[in-house]
Amino acid sequence: MPPAVPTNPRSARKQFGADLRRRREDRGLSAEEVGTEIGCSASKITRIETGERSAHPDDFGRLMDFYDVPEAEQEHLSQLFRAGRRRTKEWFHAYGDVLSKNYAEYIVKEGESDGVEEVQQDFMPAQCQTELYARAVTSVGYAALGPDQIDALVEVKMRRQQRILSEGMRFNAVITEAALRFEVGGRKAHLEQLRHLRTVLELPHVEVRVIPFSKGESGLVTGGYTLFRNDGQDEPTGAFAESVAGNVYIDDALGLRRLSRLYRYLSEAALSAKESIDLIDRTQKELTTS
């Protein structure tokens, strides 16, 4: 019996694409070979298989014919195909007056991904922030915004955390010891943030590793960035690199390989997961007793 058809368009596209990828790999074909047969580019085949885009109705028919999909299986794939093409308003559209185009695109990619790898130098990752901490860093970074706009951006950040807290998205991050030490929002907010981080780290699908000050130049980070990953794929599907000029989306193969290699390098410089937790606990204890 086939799995239920998801109501979420992105989830439906992922199921549809995963089925097509399995059929292609079972035949030992490349995305380029399939694209040539049905009259489209290899990148389009890849994006359909990863669920990043929906197939055109003409593509659907050609793919079913090319893979010689039995009629009974076509019915389920047809349901996934139609569900994946449904146009629904994303939850973050309600915050359109405060979200930049890049930030909105970031949220889309985050929602489509099975896992995230993040590097941060001075801040806690957004997915691990408390509301007090998020409000403090948002107020500083967006000083020109009014209270209502800051409230909205904090609400967006809290909503994004549900991908980890409720939906079980894999989250791995490398941060520096500076992110633990900066007293963001005052002593009370800082302690609350460290306690919350420890709570989040109890989730089996979350890991945050810390590069201690003692690592010196091998632990230096020039800027934060996020890699998006999907199950079954060796390389990231995309990345956002942060700078004072804004976020830059990266999807070219060379750029993704470089960022992925840097993430591995920084992971090696970081403490183990257990050692990182020990450092978080020591930092919290120092703050409590000082």
C-alpha atoms as a PDB file:
ATOM      1  CA  MET A   1       0.000   0.000   0.000  1.00  0.00           C
ATOM      2  CA  PRO A   2       1.537   3.381  -1.007  1.00  0.00           C
ATOM      3  CA  PRO A   3       2.149   6.019   1.690  1.00  0.00           C
ATOM      4  CA  ALA A   4      -0.443   8.721   2.256  1.00  0.00           C
ATOM      5  CA  VAL A   5      -0.259  11.785   0.034  1.00  0.00           C
ATOM      6  CA  PRO A   6       1.047  14.735   2.101  1.00  0.00           C
ATOM      7  CA  THR A   7      -1.069  17.864   2.312  1.00  0.00           C
ATOM      8  CA  ASN A   8       2.049  20.047   2.246  1.00  0.00           C
ATOM      9  CA  PRO A   9       3.076  20.753  -1.392  1.00  0.00           C
ATOM     10  CA  ARG A  10       6.799  20.616  -0.634  1.00  0.00           C
ATOM     11  CA  SER A  11       6.474  17.239   1.084  1.00  0.00           C
ATOM     12  CA  ALA A  12       4.456  15.908  -1.857  1.00  0.00           C
ATOM     13  CA  ARG A  13       7.119  17.114  -4.310  1.00  0.00           C
ATOM     14  CA  LYS A  14       9.813  15.395  -2.259  1.00  0.00           C
ATOM     15  CA  GLN A  15       7.966  12.073  -2.292  1.00  0.00           C
ATOM     16  CA  PHE A  16       7.301  12.377  -6.009  1.00  0.00           C
ATOM     17  CA  GLY A  17      10.920  13.276  -6.735  1.00  0.00           C
ATOM     18  CA  ALA A  18      12.326  10.497  -4.539  1.00  0.00           C
ATOM     19  CA  ASP A  19      10.272   7.943  -6.469  1.00  0.00           C
ATOM     20  CA  LEU A  20      11.566   9.267  -9.803  1.00  0.00           C
ATOM     21  CA  ARG A  21      15.139   9.253  -8.564  1.00  0.00           C
ATOM     22  CA  ARG A  22      14.821   5.616  -7.452  1.00  0.00           C
ATOM     23  CA  ARG A  23      13.502   4.624 -10.884  1.00  0.00           C
ATOM     24  CA  ARG A  24      16.343   6.462 -12.608  1.00  0.00           C
ATOM     25  CA  GLU A  25      19.039   4.946 -10.404  1.00  0.00           C
ATOM     26  CA  ASP A  26      17.540   1.459 -10.763  1.00  0.00           C
ATOM     27  CA  ARG A  27      18.134   1.833 -14.499  1.00  0.00           C
ATOM     28  CA  GLY A  28      21.669   3.144 -14.015  1.00  0.00           C
ATOM     29  CA  LEU A  29      20.882   6.418 -15.780  1.00  0.00           C
ATOM     30  CA  SER A  30      22.208   9.919 -15.140  1.00  0.00           C
ATOM     31  CA  ALA A  31      19.986  12.989 -14.810  1.00  0.00           C
ATOM     32  CA  GLU A  32      21.471  14.224 -18.087  1.00  0.00           C
ATOM     33  CA  GLU A  33      20.451  11.040 -19.913  1.00  0.00           C
ATOM     34  CA  VAL A  34      16.886  11.268 -18.627  1.00  0.00           C
ATOM     35  CA  GLY A  35      16.721  14.962 -19.497  1.00  0.00           C
ATOM     36  CA  THR A  36      17.873  14.234 -23.044  1.00  0.00           C
ATOM     37  CA  GLU A  37      15.184  11.567 -23.455  1.00  0.00           C
ATOM     38  CA  ILE A  38      12.282  13.743 -22.299  1.00  0.00           C
ATOM     39  CA  GLY A  39      13.581  17.036 -23.710  1.00  0.00           C
ATOM     40  CA  CYS A  40      14.760  19.067 -20.718  1.00  0.00           C
ATOM     41  CA  SER A  41      17.974  19.916 -18.847  1.00  0.00           C
ATOM     42  CA  ALA A  42      19.738  17.681 -16.334  1.00  0.00           C
ATOM     43  CA  SER A  43      19.379  20.427 -13.690  1.00  0.00           C
ATOM     44  CA  LYS A  44      15.606  20.383 -14.125  1.00  0.00           C
ATOM     45  CA  ILE A  45      15.525  16.613 -13.584  1.00  0.00           C
ATOM     46  CA  THR A  46      17.658  17.027 -10.464  1.00  0.00           C
ATOM     47  CA  ARG A  47      15.456  19.804  -9.064  1.00  0.00           C
ATOM     48  CA  ILE A  48      12.320  17.717  -9.681  1.00  0.00           C
ATOM     49  CA  GLU A  49      13.924  14.737  -7.941  1.00  0.00           C
ATOM     50  CA  THR A  50      14.902  16.812  -4.908  1.00  0.00           C
ATOM     51  CA  GLY A  51      11.464  18.426  -4.717  1.00  0.00           C
ATOM     52  CA  GLU A  52      12.864  21.897  -5.294  1.00  0.00           C
ATOM     53  CA  ARG A  53      10.457  22.438  -8.185  1.00  0.00           C
ATOM     54  CA  SER A  54       7.345  20.780  -9.513  1.00  0.00           C
ATOM     55  CA  ALA A  55       7.210  19.021 -12.857  1.00  0.00           C
ATOM     56  CA  HIS A  56       5.194  20.447 -15.753  1.00  0.00           C
ATOM     57  CA  PRO A  57       2.164  18.325 -16.760  1.00  0.00           C
ATOM     58  CA  ASP A  58       3.923  17.496 -20.040  1.00  0.00           C
ATOM     59  CA  ASP A  59       7.013  16.376 -18.086  1.00  0.00           C
ATOM     60  CA  PHE A  60       4.849  14.134 -15.925  1.00  0.00           C
ATOM     61  CA  GLY A  61       3.438  12.285 -18.925  1.00  0.00           C
ATOM     62  CA  ARG A  62       6.848  11.882 -20.555  1.00  0.00           C
ATOM     63  CA  LEU A  63       8.420  10.618 -17.339  1.00  0.00           C
ATOM     64  CA  MET A  64       5.648   8.063 -16.796  1.00  0.00           C
ATOM     65  CA  ASP A  65       6.111   6.802 -20.366  1.00  0.00           C
ATOM     66  CA  PHE A  66       9.900   6.813 -20.181  1.00  0.00           C
ATOM     67  CA  TYR A  67       9.970   4.813 -16.933  1.00  0.00           C
ATOM     68  CA  ASP A  68       7.079   2.612 -18.130  1.00  0.00           C
ATOM     69  CA  VAL A  69       5.266   3.143 -14.812  1.00  0.00           C
ATOM     70  CA  PRO A  70       2.379   0.660 -14.282  1.00  0.00           C
ATOM     71  CA  GLU A  71      -1.075   2.211 -14.262  1.00  0.00           C
ATOM     72  CA  ALA A  72      -1.691   1.374 -10.589  1.00  0.00           C
ATOM     73  CA  GLU A  73       1.521   3.172  -9.561  1.00  0.00           C
ATOM     74  CA  GLN A  74       0.791   6.077 -11.878  1.00  0.00           C
ATOM     75  CA  GLU A  75      -2.355   6.868  -9.913  1.00  0.00           C
ATOM     76  CA  HIS A  76      -0.407   7.421  -6.689  1.00  0.00           C
ATOM     77  CA  LEU A  77       2.292   9.408  -8.482  1.00  0.00           C
ATOM     78  CA  SER A  78      -0.398  11.493 -10.148  1.00  0.00           C
ATOM     79  CA  GLN A  79      -1.825  12.366  -6.725  1.00  0.00           C
ATOM     80  CA  LEU A  80       1.632  13.368  -5.479  1.00  0.00           C
ATOM     81  CA  PHE A  81       2.194  15.389  -8.647  1.00  0.00           C
ATOM     82  CA  ARG A  82      -1.074  17.309  -8.257  1.00  0.00           C
ATOM     83  CA  ALA A  83      -0.506  17.870  -4.517  1.00  0.00           C
ATOM     84  CA  GLY A  84       2.987  19.194  -5.248  1.00  0.00           C
ATOM     85  CA  ARG A  85       1.652  21.770  -7.706  1.00  0.00           C
ATOM     86  CA  ARG A  86      -0.934  23.229  -5.328  1.00  0.00           C
ATOM     87  CA  ARG A  87      -0.374  26.889  -4.619  1.00  0.00           C
ATOM     88  CA  THR A  88      -0.672  27.674  -0.934  1.00  0.00           C
ATOM     89  CA  LYS A  89       0.344  30.748   0.983  1.00  0.00           C
ATOM     90  CA  GLU A  90       3.331  30.149   3.206  1.00  0.00           C
ATOM     91  CA  TRP A  91       2.943  31.057   6.880  1.00  0.00           C
ATOM     92  CA  PHE A  92       5.633  33.738   6.647  1.00  0.00           C
ATOM     93  CA  HIS A  93       3.708  35.732   4.017  1.00  0.00           C
ATOM     94  CA  ALA A  94       1.921  37.415   6.930  1.00  0.00           C
ATOM     95  CA  TYR A  95       5.279  39.011   7.804  1.00  0.00           C
ATOM     96  CA  GLY A  96       5.988  40.284   4.312  1.00  0.00           C
ATOM     97  CA  ASP A  97       6.372  43.883   5.473  1.00  0.00           C
ATOM     98  CA  VAL A  98       9.481  43.035   7.543  1.00  0.00           C
ATOM     99  CA  LEU A  99      11.025  40.127   5.630  1.00  0.00           C
ATOM    100  CA  SER A 100      13.563  40.812   2.919  1.00  0.00           C
ATOM    101  CA  LYS A 101      13.417  38.759  -0.268  1.00  0.00           C
ATOM    102  CA  ASN A 102      16.587  36.906   0.777  1.00  0.00           C
ATOM    103  CA  TYR A 103      15.217  36.108   4.233  1.00  0.00           C
ATOM    104  CA  ALA A 104      11.979  34.784   2.738  1.00  0.00           C
ATOM    105  CA  GLU A 105      14.000  32.600   0.370  1.00  0.00           C
ATOM    106  CA  TYR A 106      16.059  31.368   3.317  1.00  0.00           C
ATOM    107  CA  ILE A 107      12.891  30.301   5.147  1.00  0.00           C
ATOM    108  CA  VAL A 108      11.653  28.456   2.052  1.00  0.00           C
ATOM    109  CA  LYS A 109      14.932  26.531   1.733  1.00  0.00           C
ATOM    110  CA  GLU A 110      14.927  25.743   5.437  1.00  0.00           C
ATOM    111  CA  GLY A 111      11.388  24.407   5.180  1.00  0.00           C
ATOM    112  CA  GLU A 112      12.268  22.204   2.210  1.00  0.00           C
ATOM    113  CA  SER A 113      15.359  20.687   3.829  1.00  0.00           C
ATOM    114  CA  ASP A 114      15.679  17.519   5.880  1.00  0.00           C
ATOM    115  CA  GLY A 115      18.701  18.853   7.721  1.00  0.00           C
ATOM    116  CA  VAL A 116      20.737  21.998   8.323  1.00  0.00           C
ATOM    117  CA  GLU A 117      24.402  22.587   9.099  1.00  0.00           C
ATOM    118  CA  GLU A 118      25.227  26.038  10.453  1.00  0.00           C
ATOM    119  CA  VAL A 119      28.334  27.986  11.423  1.00  0.00           C
ATOM    120  CA  GLN A 120      28.128  30.972  13.774  1.00  0.00           C
ATOM    121  CA  GLN A 121      30.907  33.029  15.301  1.00  0.00           C
ATOM    122  CA  ASP A 122      29.390  35.467  17.778  1.00  0.00           C
ATOM    123  CA  PHE A 123      25.709  34.510  18.023  1.00  0.00           C
ATOM    124  CA  MET A 124      23.748  31.486  19.096  1.00  0.00           C
ATOM    125  CA  PRO A 125      22.106  29.849  16.070  1.00  0.00           C
ATOM    126  CA  ALA A 126      18.604  31.243  15.541  1.00  0.00           C
ATOM    127  CA  GLN A 127      17.106  27.774  15.977  1.00  0.00           C
ATOM    128  CA  CYS A 128      18.444  27.630  19.545  1.00  0.00           C
ATOM    129  CA  GLN A 129      17.668  31.174  20.714  1.00  0.00           C
ATOM    130  CA  THR A 130      15.274  32.109  23.496  1.00  0.00           C
ATOM    131  CA  GLU A 131      12.814  34.924  22.891  1.00  0.00           C
ATOM    132  CA  LEU A 132      14.773  37.292  25.149  1.00  0.00           C
ATOM    133  CA  TYR A 133      18.029  36.542  23.349  1.00  0.00           C
ATOM    134  CA  ALA A 134      16.370  36.841  19.926  1.00  0.00           C
ATOM    135  CA  ARG A 135      14.848  40.182  20.865  1.00  0.00           C
ATOM    136  CA  ALA A 136      18.214  41.530  22.065  1.00  0.00           C
ATOM    137  CA  VAL A 137      20.152  40.592  18.899  1.00  0.00           C
ATOM    138  CA  THR A 138      17.296  41.700  16.617  1.00  0.00           C
ATOM    139  CA  SER A 139      17.039  45.076  18.310  1.00  0.00           C
ATOM    140  CA  VAL A 140      20.744  45.691  17.778  1.00  0.00           C
ATOM    141  CA  GLY A 141      20.865  44.439  14.218  1.00  0.00           C
ATOM    142  CA  TYR A 142      17.727  46.280  13.146  1.00  0.00           C
ATOM    143  CA  ALA A 143      17.974  49.441  15.234  1.00  0.00           C
ATOM    144  CA  ALA A 144      16.134  51.438  12.557  1.00  0.00           C
ATOM    145  CA  LEU A 145      13.005  49.295  12.951  1.00  0.00           C
ATOM    146  CA  GLY A 146      10.134  50.083  15.271  1.00  0.00           C
ATOM    147  CA  PRO A 147       8.934  47.885  18.164  1.00  0.00           C
ATOM    148  CA  ASP A 148       6.200  46.223  16.087  1.00  0.00           C
ATOM    149  CA  GLN A 149       8.664  45.252  13.366  1.00  0.00           C
ATOM    150  CA  ILE A 150      11.104  43.845  15.913  1.00  0.00           C
ATOM    151  CA  ASP A 151       8.246  41.867  17.481  1.00  0.00           C
ATOM    152  CA  ALA A 152       7.390  40.440  14.064  1.00  0.00           C
ATOM    153  CA  LEU A 153      10.981  39.371  13.326  1.00  0.00           C
ATOM    154  CA  VAL A 154      11.235  37.665  16.723  1.00  0.00           C
ATOM    155  CA  GLU A 155       7.943  35.854  16.043  1.00  0.00           C
ATOM    156  CA  VAL A 156       9.329  34.623  12.722  1.00  0.00           C
ATOM    157  CA  LYS A 157      12.421  33.286  14.461  1.00  0.00           C
ATOM    158  CA  MET A 158      10.341  31.479  17.082  1.00  0.00           C
ATOM    159  CA  ARG A 159       8.144  29.984  14.357  1.00  0.00           C
ATOM    160  CA  ARG A 160      11.196  28.747  12.441  1.00  0.00           C
ATOM    161  CA  GLN A 161      12.304  26.808  15.512  1.00  0.00           C
ATOM    162  CA  GLN A 162       9.322  24.478  15.139  1.00  0.00           C
ATOM    163  CA  ARG A 163      11.158  22.691  12.318  1.00  0.00           C
ATOM    164  CA  ILE A 164      13.496  21.384  15.020  1.00  0.00           C
ATOM    165  CA  LEU A 165      11.365  21.311  18.165  1.00  0.00           C
ATOM    166  CA  SER A 166       8.186  19.816  16.667  1.00  0.00           C
ATOM    167  CA  GLU A 167       9.050  18.413  13.247  1.00  0.00           C
ATOM    168  CA  GLY A 168      12.391  16.802  14.042  1.00  0.00           C
ATOM    169  CA  MET A 169      14.561  18.442  11.390  1.00  0.00           C
ATOM    170  CA  ARG A 170      18.219  17.451  11.818  1.00  0.00           C
ATOM    171  CA  PHE A 171      20.262  20.383  13.057  1.00  0.00           C
ATOM    172  CA  ASN A 172      24.038  20.501  13.409  1.00  0.00           C
ATOM    173  CA  ALA A 173      25.980  23.632  14.229  1.00  0.00           C
ATOM    174  CA  VAL A 174      29.515  24.759  14.957  1.00  0.00           C
ATOM    175  CA  ILE A 175      29.870  27.883  17.100  1.00  0.00           C
ATOM    176  CA  THR A 176      32.833  29.548  18.770  1.00  0.00           C
ATOM    177  CA  GLU A 177      33.255  29.980  22.504  1.00  0.00           C
ATOM    178  CA  ALA A 178      32.529  33.673  21.961  1.00  0.00           C
ATOM    179  CA  ALA A 179      28.882  32.805  21.274  1.00  0.00           C
ATOM    180  CA  LEU A 180      28.725  31.239  24.744  1.00  0.00           C
ATOM    181  CA  ARG A 181      30.507  34.115  26.455  1.00  0.00           C
ATOM    182  CA  PHE A 182      28.810  37.218  25.019  1.00  0.00           C
ATOM    183  CA  GLU A 183      26.343  38.412  27.650  1.00  0.00           C
ATOM    184  CA  VAL A 184      23.519  39.163  25.218  1.00  0.00           C
ATOM    185  CA  GLY A 185      20.492  40.825  26.812  1.00  0.00           C
ATOM    186  CA  GLY A 186      22.068  41.000  30.275  1.00  0.00           C
ATOM    187  CA  ARG A 187      23.016  38.365  32.862  1.00  0.00           C
ATOM    188  CA  LYS A 188      19.505  36.936  33.312  1.00  0.00           C
ATOM    189  CA  ALA A 189      18.908  36.541  29.569  1.00  0.00           C
ATOM    190  CA  HIS A 190      22.375  35.054  29.129  1.00  0.00           C
ATOM    191  CA  LEU A 191      21.785  32.363  31.763  1.00  0.00           C
ATOM    192  CA  GLU A 192      18.353  31.600  30.368  1.00  0.00           C
ATOM    193  CA  GLN A 193      19.898  31.192  26.916  1.00  0.00           C
ATOM    194  CA  LEU A 194      22.531  28.729  28.131  1.00  0.00           C
ATOM    195  CA  ARG A 195      19.910  26.679  29.974  1.00  0.00           C
ATOM    196  CA  HIS A 196      17.722  26.626  26.873  1.00  0.00           C
ATOM    197  CA  LEU A 197      20.643  25.543  24.708  1.00  0.00           C
ATOM    198  CA  ARG A 198      21.254  22.586  27.026  1.00  0.00           C
ATOM    199  CA  THR A 199      17.581  21.626  26.767  1.00  0.00           C
ATOM    200  CA  VAL A 200      17.655  21.739  22.968  1.00  0.00           C
ATOM    201  CA  LEU A 201      20.823  19.616  22.939  1.00  0.00           C
ATOM    202  CA  GLU A 202      18.927  16.801  24.633  1.00  0.00           C
ATOM    203  CA  LEU A 203      17.045  16.251  21.369  1.00  0.00           C
ATOM    204  CA  PRO A 204      18.582  13.296  19.482  1.00  0.00           C
ATOM    205  CA  HIS A 205      18.579  15.124  16.134  1.00  0.00           C
ATOM    206  CA  VAL A 206      20.401  18.243  17.400  1.00  0.00           C
ATOM    207  CA  GLU A 207      24.142  18.712  17.851  1.00  0.00           C
ATOM    208  CA  VAL A 208      26.011  21.943  18.581  1.00  0.00           C
ATOM    209  CA  ARG A 209      29.796  21.769  18.842  1.00  0.00           C
ATOM    210  CA  VAL A 210      31.949  24.562  20.237  1.00  0.00           C
ATOM    211  CA  ILE A 211      35.358  25.766  19.040  1.00  0.00           C
ATOM    212  CA  PRO A 212      37.185  26.881  22.225  1.00  0.00           C
ATOM    213  CA  PHE A 213      39.361  29.980  22.349  1.00  0.00           C
ATOM    214  CA  SER A 214      42.372  27.695  22.823  1.00  0.00           C
ATOM    215  CA  LYS A 215      42.114  26.541  19.190  1.00  0.00           C
ATOM    216  CA  GLY A 216      43.522  29.885  18.060  1.00  0.00           C
ATOM    217  CA  GLU A 217      43.715  30.512  14.331  1.00  0.00           C
ATOM    218  CA  SER A 218      42.365  27.051  13.435  1.00  0.00           C
ATOM    219  CA  GLY A 219      39.043  28.058  14.929  1.00  0.00           C
ATOM    220  CA  LEU A 220      38.704  31.460  13.290  1.00  0.00           C
ATOM    221  CA  VAL A 221      35.464  32.022  11.391  1.00  0.00           C
ATOM    222  CA  THR A 222      35.112  34.885   8.921  1.00  0.00           C
ATOM    223  CA  GLY A 223      31.320  34.825   8.807  1.00  0.00           C
ATOM    224  CA  GLY A 224      28.273  32.709   9.514  1.00  0.00           C
ATOM    225  CA  TYR A 225      26.614  30.498   6.954  1.00  0.00           C
ATOM    226  CA  THR A 226      24.026  27.737   6.647  1.00  0.00           C
ATOM    227  CA  LEU A 227      24.073  24.600   4.511  1.00  0.00           C
ATOM    228  CA  PHE A 228      20.798  22.899   3.551  1.00  0.00           C
ATOM    229  CA  ARG A 229      20.771  19.130   3.117  1.00  0.00           C
ATOM    230  CA  ASN A 230      18.305  16.482   1.990  1.00  0.00           C
ATOM    231  CA  ASP A 231      18.447  12.806   2.882  1.00  0.00           C
ATOM    232  CA  GLY A 232      20.121  10.624   0.297  1.00  0.00           C
ATOM    233  CA  GLN A 233      22.233  13.423  -1.173  1.00  0.00           C
ATOM    234  CA  ASP A 234      25.970  13.670  -0.605  1.00  0.00           C
ATOM    235  CA  GLU A 235      26.234  17.397  -1.273  1.00  0.00           C
ATOM    236  CA  PRO A 236      24.194  20.324   0.129  1.00  0.00           C
ATOM    237  CA  THR A 237      21.258  21.546  -1.962  1.00  0.00           C
ATOM    238  CA  GLY A 238      22.033  25.193  -1.241  1.00  0.00           C
ATOM    239  CA  ALA A 239      23.583  27.610   1.230  1.00  0.00           C
ATOM    240  CA  PHE A 240      23.240  31.107   2.610  1.00  0.00           C
ATOM    241  CA  ALA A 241      26.371  33.032   3.590  1.00  0.00           C
ATOM    242  CA  GLU A 242      25.951  35.959   5.996  1.00  0.00           C
ATOM    243  CA  SER A 243      27.674  39.327   5.808  1.00  0.00           C
ATOM    244  CA  VAL A 244      27.083  42.912   6.928  1.00  0.00           C
ATOM    245  CA  ALA A 245      25.726  43.555   3.418  1.00  0.00           C
ATOM    246  CA  GLY A 246      23.089  40.831   3.777  1.00  0.00           C
ATOM    247  CA  ASN A 247      22.669  37.161   2.985  1.00  0.00           C
ATOM    248  CA  VAL A 248      23.930  35.674  -0.263  1.00  0.00           C
ATOM    249  CA  TYR A 249      22.333  32.508  -1.651  1.00  0.00           C
ATOM    250  CA  ILE A 250      24.775  29.984  -3.076  1.00  0.00           C
ATOM    251  CA  ASP A 251      23.788  27.015  -5.226  1.00  0.00           C
ATOM    252  CA  ASP A 252      26.724  26.497  -7.589  1.00  0.00           C
ATOM    253  CA  ALA A 253      28.581  23.199  -7.125  1.00  0.00           C
ATOM    254  CA  LEU A 254      31.981  24.780  -6.476  1.00  0.00           C
ATOM    255  CA  GLY A 255      30.695  27.184  -3.832  1.00  0.00           C
ATOM    256  CA  LEU A 256      28.769  24.430  -2.052  1.00  0.00           C
ATOM    257  CA  ARG A 257      31.784  22.118  -2.023  1.00  0.00           C
ATOM    258  CA  ARG A 258      33.953  24.860  -0.529  1.00  0.00           C
ATOM    259  CA  LEU A 259      31.472  25.672   2.239  1.00  0.00           C
ATOM    260  CA  SER A 260      30.911  21.987   2.961  1.00  0.00           C
ATOM    261  CA  ARG A 261      34.672  21.440   3.198  1.00  0.00           C
ATOM    262  CA  LEU A 262      35.018  24.433   5.521  1.00  0.00           C
ATOM    263  CA  TYR A 263      32.240  23.048   7.735  1.00  0.00           C
ATOM    264  CA  ARG A 264      34.120  19.750   8.044  1.00  0.00           C
ATOM    265  CA  TYR A 265      37.342  21.624   8.828  1.00  0.00           C
ATOM    266  CA  LEU A 266      35.667  23.691  11.570  1.00  0.00           C
ATOM    267  CA  SER A 267      33.957  20.576  12.958  1.00  0.00           C
ATOM    268  CA  GLU A 268      37.381  18.998  13.356  1.00  0.00           C
ATOM    269  CA  ALA A 269      38.616  22.088  15.197  1.00  0.00           C
ATOM    270  CA  ALA A 270      35.611  22.009  17.522  1.00  0.00           C
ATOM    271  CA  LEU A 271      35.256  20.017  20.706  1.00  0.00           C
ATOM    272  CA  SER A 272      33.303  16.775  20.589  1.00  0.00           C
ATOM    273  CA  ALA A 273      29.576  16.940  21.311  1.00  0.00           C
ATOM    274  CA  LYS A 274      30.137  15.797  24.913  1.00  0.00           C
ATOM    275  CA  GLU A 275      33.077  18.149  25.476  1.00  0.00           C
ATOM    276  CA  SER A 276      31.001  21.010  24.065  1.00  0.00           C
ATOM    277  CA  ILE A 277      28.212  20.282  26.540  1.00  0.00           C
ATOM    278  CA  ASP A 278      30.779  20.228  29.355  1.00  0.00           C
ATOM    279  CA  LEU A 279      32.029  23.670  28.272  1.00  0.00           C
ATOM    280  CA  ILE A 280      28.458  25.005  28.148  1.00  0.00           C
ATOM    281  CA  ASP A 281      27.864  23.671  31.672  1.00  0.00           C
ATOM    282  CA  ARG A 282      31.096  25.242  32.972  1.00  0.00           C
ATOM    283  CA  THR A 283      30.195  28.586  31.410  1.00  0.00           C
ATOM    284  CA  GLN A 284      26.770  28.465  32.995  1.00  0.00           C
ATOM    285  CA  LYS A 285      28.244  27.585  36.386  1.00  0.00           C
ATOM    286  CA  GLU A 286      30.759  30.439  36.193  1.00  0.00           C
ATOM    287  CA  LEU A 287      27.951  32.906  35.492  1.00  0.00           C
ATOM    288  CA  THR A 288      25.846  31.533  38.335  1.00  0.00           C
ATOM    289  CA  THR A 289      28.612  31.751  40.927  1.00  0.00           C
ATOM    290  CA  SER A 290      30.292  35.022  39.853  1.00  0.00           C
END
